[in-house]
N, C-alpha and C. Protein backbone atom coordinates (compact mmCIF):
# COMPACT_ATOMS: atom_id res chain seq x y z
N UNK A 1 -5.13 17.30 7.37
CA UNK A 1 -3.78 16.81 7.24
C UNK A 1 -2.87 17.83 6.55
N UNK A 2 -3.14 19.09 6.77
CA UNK A 2 -2.30 20.10 6.13
C UNK A 2 -0.89 20.09 6.70
N UNK A 3 -0.71 19.61 7.93
CA UNK A 3 0.63 19.55 8.51
C UNK A 3 1.48 18.50 7.78
N UNK A 4 0.86 17.43 7.31
CA UNK A 4 1.60 16.42 6.55
C UNK A 4 2.03 16.97 5.19
N UNK A 5 1.16 17.73 4.56
CA UNK A 5 1.52 18.38 3.29
C UNK A 5 2.68 19.34 3.50
N UNK A 6 2.65 20.06 4.62
CA UNK A 6 3.74 20.97 4.96
C UNK A 6 5.05 20.21 5.15
N UNK A 7 4.99 19.08 5.87
CA UNK A 7 6.19 18.27 6.08
C UNK A 7 6.75 17.73 4.78
N UNK A 8 5.87 17.33 3.87
CA UNK A 8 6.33 16.81 2.58
C UNK A 8 7.03 17.91 1.79
N UNK A 9 6.47 19.11 1.82
CA UNK A 9 7.10 20.23 1.10
C UNK A 9 8.42 20.63 1.74
N UNK A 10 8.46 20.67 3.08
CA UNK A 10 9.70 21.02 3.79
C UNK A 10 10.78 19.97 3.53
N UNK A 11 10.38 18.73 3.53
CA UNK A 11 11.31 17.65 3.24
C UNK A 11 11.86 17.78 1.82
N UNK A 12 11.01 18.16 0.88
CA UNK A 12 11.47 18.34 -0.50
C UNK A 12 12.48 19.49 -0.59
N UNK A 13 12.23 20.58 0.11
CA UNK A 13 13.18 21.70 0.10
C UNK A 13 14.52 21.27 0.69
N UNK A 14 14.49 20.52 1.79
CA UNK A 14 15.73 20.02 2.38
C UNK A 14 16.43 19.04 1.45
N UNK A 15 15.66 18.25 0.73
CA UNK A 15 16.26 17.30 -0.22
C UNK A 15 16.93 18.04 -1.38
N UNK A 16 16.33 19.12 -1.83
CA UNK A 16 16.95 19.93 -2.88
C UNK A 16 18.25 20.52 -2.35
N UNK A 17 18.24 20.99 -1.09
CA UNK A 17 19.48 21.50 -0.49
C UNK A 17 20.52 20.39 -0.38
N UNK A 18 20.08 19.17 -0.11
CA UNK A 18 21.01 18.03 -0.07
C UNK A 18 21.67 17.84 -1.43
N UNK A 19 20.87 17.87 -2.49
CA UNK A 19 21.42 17.67 -3.83
C UNK A 19 22.35 18.81 -4.23
N UNK A 20 21.96 20.05 -3.91
CA UNK A 20 22.82 21.20 -4.21
C UNK A 20 24.11 21.12 -3.41
N UNK A 21 24.00 20.76 -2.13
CA UNK A 21 25.18 20.62 -1.30
C UNK A 21 26.11 19.53 -1.79
N UNK A 22 25.53 18.44 -2.29
CA UNK A 22 26.34 17.35 -2.85
C UNK A 22 27.11 17.85 -4.07
N UNK A 23 26.45 18.59 -4.93
CA UNK A 23 27.11 19.13 -6.12
C UNK A 23 28.18 20.14 -5.73
N UNK A 24 27.90 20.98 -4.74
CA UNK A 24 28.89 21.96 -4.28
C UNK A 24 30.13 21.26 -3.76
N UNK A 25 29.94 20.19 -2.97
CA UNK A 25 31.10 19.46 -2.43
C UNK A 25 31.90 18.78 -3.52
N UNK A 26 31.23 18.32 -4.56
CA UNK A 26 31.94 17.61 -5.62
C UNK A 26 32.65 18.56 -6.58
N UNK A 27 32.09 19.73 -6.82
CA UNK A 27 32.65 20.63 -7.83
C UNK A 27 33.47 21.77 -7.27
N UNK A 28 33.09 22.28 -6.14
CA UNK A 28 33.67 23.51 -5.61
C UNK A 28 34.19 23.31 -4.20
N UNK A 29 34.76 24.39 -3.73
CA UNK A 29 35.08 24.51 -2.31
C UNK A 29 33.85 25.11 -1.63
N UNK A 30 33.27 24.45 -0.62
CA UNK A 30 32.06 24.99 0.02
C UNK A 30 32.27 26.37 0.64
N UNK A 31 33.52 26.72 0.97
CA UNK A 31 33.79 28.03 1.55
C UNK A 31 33.54 29.18 0.60
N UNK A 32 33.55 28.92 -0.69
CA UNK A 32 33.32 29.99 -1.67
C UNK A 32 31.89 30.51 -1.62
N UNK A 33 30.98 29.71 -1.14
CA UNK A 33 29.57 30.08 -1.16
C UNK A 33 29.18 30.94 0.04
N UNK A 34 30.03 31.11 1.00
CA UNK A 34 29.76 31.96 2.15
C UNK A 34 28.65 31.41 3.03
N UNK A 35 27.82 32.32 3.53
CA UNK A 35 26.73 31.93 4.43
C UNK A 35 25.69 31.07 3.75
N UNK A 36 25.40 31.33 2.50
CA UNK A 36 24.41 30.52 1.78
C UNK A 36 24.86 29.08 1.71
N UNK A 37 26.12 28.85 1.46
CA UNK A 37 26.65 27.50 1.41
C UNK A 37 26.55 26.80 2.75
N UNK A 38 26.75 27.54 3.82
CA UNK A 38 26.62 26.95 5.16
C UNK A 38 25.19 26.53 5.44
N UNK A 39 24.24 27.37 5.07
CA UNK A 39 22.83 27.02 5.28
C UNK A 39 22.43 25.82 4.42
N UNK A 40 22.91 25.79 3.20
CA UNK A 40 22.61 24.67 2.31
C UNK A 40 23.19 23.38 2.89
N UNK A 41 24.41 23.45 3.40
CA UNK A 41 25.05 22.25 3.96
C UNK A 41 24.32 21.77 5.21
N UNK A 42 23.86 22.68 6.05
CA UNK A 42 23.14 22.28 7.26
C UNK A 42 21.80 21.65 6.90
N UNK A 43 21.02 22.34 6.06
CA UNK A 43 19.72 21.79 5.68
C UNK A 43 19.88 20.48 4.92
N UNK A 44 20.84 20.41 4.04
CA UNK A 44 21.01 19.22 3.24
C UNK A 44 21.71 18.08 3.96
N UNK A 45 22.70 18.40 4.77
CA UNK A 45 23.48 17.36 5.42
C UNK A 45 22.91 16.85 6.72
N UNK A 46 22.34 17.73 7.51
CA UNK A 46 21.87 17.33 8.83
C UNK A 46 20.37 17.12 8.92
N UNK A 47 19.61 17.90 8.20
CA UNK A 47 18.16 17.87 8.35
C UNK A 47 17.47 16.98 7.32
N UNK A 48 18.00 16.92 6.12
CA UNK A 48 17.29 16.27 5.01
C UNK A 48 16.99 14.80 5.25
N UNK A 49 17.99 14.00 5.56
CA UNK A 49 17.78 12.55 5.69
C UNK A 49 16.83 12.19 6.83
N UNK A 50 17.05 12.69 8.06
CA UNK A 50 16.11 12.32 9.13
C UNK A 50 14.69 12.81 8.89
N UNK A 51 14.57 14.04 8.39
CA UNK A 51 13.23 14.57 8.11
C UNK A 51 12.57 13.79 6.99
N UNK A 52 13.32 13.41 5.99
CA UNK A 52 12.79 12.65 4.88
C UNK A 52 12.29 11.28 5.34
N UNK A 53 13.08 10.60 6.15
CA UNK A 53 12.67 9.29 6.68
C UNK A 53 11.42 9.42 7.52
N UNK A 54 11.40 10.40 8.41
CA UNK A 54 10.24 10.61 9.27
C UNK A 54 8.99 10.92 8.46
N UNK A 55 9.10 11.79 7.48
CA UNK A 55 7.96 12.18 6.67
C UNK A 55 7.43 11.01 5.85
N UNK A 56 8.31 10.25 5.24
CA UNK A 56 7.87 9.13 4.41
C UNK A 56 7.21 8.05 5.27
N UNK A 57 7.82 7.72 6.41
CA UNK A 57 7.21 6.72 7.28
C UNK A 57 5.85 7.17 7.81
N UNK A 58 5.75 8.42 8.20
CA UNK A 58 4.48 8.95 8.69
C UNK A 58 3.42 8.93 7.60
N UNK A 59 3.79 9.30 6.40
CA UNK A 59 2.83 9.30 5.30
C UNK A 59 2.38 7.88 4.96
N UNK A 60 3.31 6.93 4.97
CA UNK A 60 2.94 5.55 4.67
C UNK A 60 2.00 4.99 5.74
N UNK A 61 2.30 5.27 6.99
CA UNK A 61 1.43 4.79 8.07
C UNK A 61 0.04 5.40 7.94
N UNK A 62 -0.05 6.68 7.68
CA UNK A 62 -1.35 7.32 7.55
C UNK A 62 -2.10 6.84 6.32
N UNK A 63 -1.37 6.52 5.25
CA UNK A 63 -2.02 5.94 4.07
C UNK A 63 -2.57 4.55 4.37
N UNK A 64 -1.80 3.75 5.09
CA UNK A 64 -2.26 2.40 5.42
C UNK A 64 -3.44 2.41 6.39
N UNK A 65 -3.46 3.39 7.28
CA UNK A 65 -4.57 3.52 8.22
C UNK A 65 -5.77 4.23 7.60
N UNK A 66 -5.62 4.66 6.37
CA UNK A 66 -6.66 5.36 5.62
C UNK A 66 -7.10 6.67 6.30
N UNK A 67 -6.14 7.32 6.95
CA UNK A 67 -6.39 8.63 7.54
C UNK A 67 -6.21 9.75 6.52
N UNK A 68 -5.50 9.43 5.45
CA UNK A 68 -5.24 10.41 4.40
C UNK A 68 -5.31 9.68 3.06
N UNK A 69 -5.71 10.43 2.04
CA UNK A 69 -5.78 9.85 0.69
C UNK A 69 -4.51 10.21 -0.08
N UNK A 70 -4.20 9.38 -1.07
CA UNK A 70 -3.01 9.57 -1.89
C UNK A 70 -3.01 10.94 -2.57
N UNK A 71 -4.14 11.38 -3.03
CA UNK A 71 -4.21 12.66 -3.75
C UNK A 71 -3.95 13.86 -2.84
N UNK A 72 -4.06 13.69 -1.55
CA UNK A 72 -3.82 14.79 -0.61
C UNK A 72 -2.35 14.97 -0.28
N UNK A 73 -1.50 14.07 -0.71
CA UNK A 73 -0.09 14.09 -0.31
C UNK A 73 0.86 14.76 -1.28
N UNK A 74 0.37 15.39 -2.32
CA UNK A 74 1.25 15.87 -3.39
C UNK A 74 2.05 14.69 -3.93
N UNK A 75 1.40 13.81 -4.68
CA UNK A 75 2.04 12.55 -5.09
C UNK A 75 3.39 12.71 -5.79
N UNK A 76 3.53 13.71 -6.64
CA UNK A 76 4.79 13.87 -7.37
C UNK A 76 5.93 14.24 -6.42
N UNK A 77 5.65 15.13 -5.50
CA UNK A 77 6.69 15.53 -4.55
C UNK A 77 7.02 14.36 -3.63
N UNK A 78 6.01 13.60 -3.23
CA UNK A 78 6.24 12.44 -2.37
C UNK A 78 7.12 11.41 -3.06
N UNK A 79 6.86 11.14 -4.32
CA UNK A 79 7.67 10.17 -5.08
C UNK A 79 9.09 10.69 -5.24
N UNK A 80 9.26 11.97 -5.51
CA UNK A 80 10.61 12.54 -5.60
C UNK A 80 11.35 12.43 -4.28
N UNK A 81 10.64 12.63 -3.16
CA UNK A 81 11.26 12.46 -1.85
C UNK A 81 11.73 11.03 -1.63
N UNK A 82 10.94 10.07 -2.07
CA UNK A 82 11.34 8.66 -1.94
C UNK A 82 12.57 8.37 -2.79
N UNK A 83 12.61 8.88 -4.01
CA UNK A 83 13.77 8.67 -4.88
C UNK A 83 15.02 9.30 -4.27
N UNK A 84 14.90 10.50 -3.75
CA UNK A 84 16.05 11.16 -3.13
C UNK A 84 16.47 10.43 -1.86
N UNK A 85 15.52 9.88 -1.12
CA UNK A 85 15.87 9.09 0.06
C UNK A 85 16.68 7.86 -0.33
N UNK A 86 16.31 7.21 -1.42
CA UNK A 86 17.10 6.07 -1.89
C UNK A 86 18.52 6.49 -2.25
N UNK A 87 18.66 7.66 -2.85
CA UNK A 87 19.99 8.19 -3.16
C UNK A 87 20.76 8.50 -1.88
N UNK A 88 20.10 9.08 -0.90
CA UNK A 88 20.75 9.38 0.37
C UNK A 88 21.21 8.10 1.07
N UNK A 89 20.38 7.09 1.06
CA UNK A 89 20.75 5.83 1.71
C UNK A 89 21.89 5.14 0.98
N UNK A 90 21.91 5.25 -0.34
CA UNK A 90 23.00 4.65 -1.11
C UNK A 90 24.33 5.32 -0.79
N UNK A 91 24.30 6.62 -0.60
CA UNK A 91 25.55 7.34 -0.32
C UNK A 91 26.00 7.17 1.12
N UNK A 92 25.06 6.94 2.06
CA UNK A 92 25.44 6.79 3.47
C UNK A 92 25.80 5.36 3.84
N UNK A 93 25.15 4.39 3.21
CA UNK A 93 25.41 3.00 3.53
C UNK A 93 26.52 2.45 2.65
N UNK A 94 27.43 1.69 3.22
CA UNK A 94 28.54 1.15 2.40
C UNK A 94 28.09 0.02 1.50
C-alpha cells in the first residue's frame, strides 16, 4: 500500500499549499508572489480539496476492509488532512 502512503503525503503537501494560498489571499496581493504564487494557488485551490476527499475516502474504505493497518497510513498526517478537509468544507459550504 505504498501508493496510499504517497497519496496521503501528496494530499498533505496540497493542503499546506491551500493554507498558504489562503493566507496569501487574505494578507497580500497574489500577484506579488509571481510564478510561485500561481503554483501555490493551483495546488491549493484546485487540487487540494478533491485529492483530499478522494484520499480520505479511499483510506477509510481500505481501513474498514482491513486491507491496510492504521499504523501504515502515517496517522498524524492523515489526521491533519482530515482537520484541513473540515476547514476546506467550512469555507466552501455556506
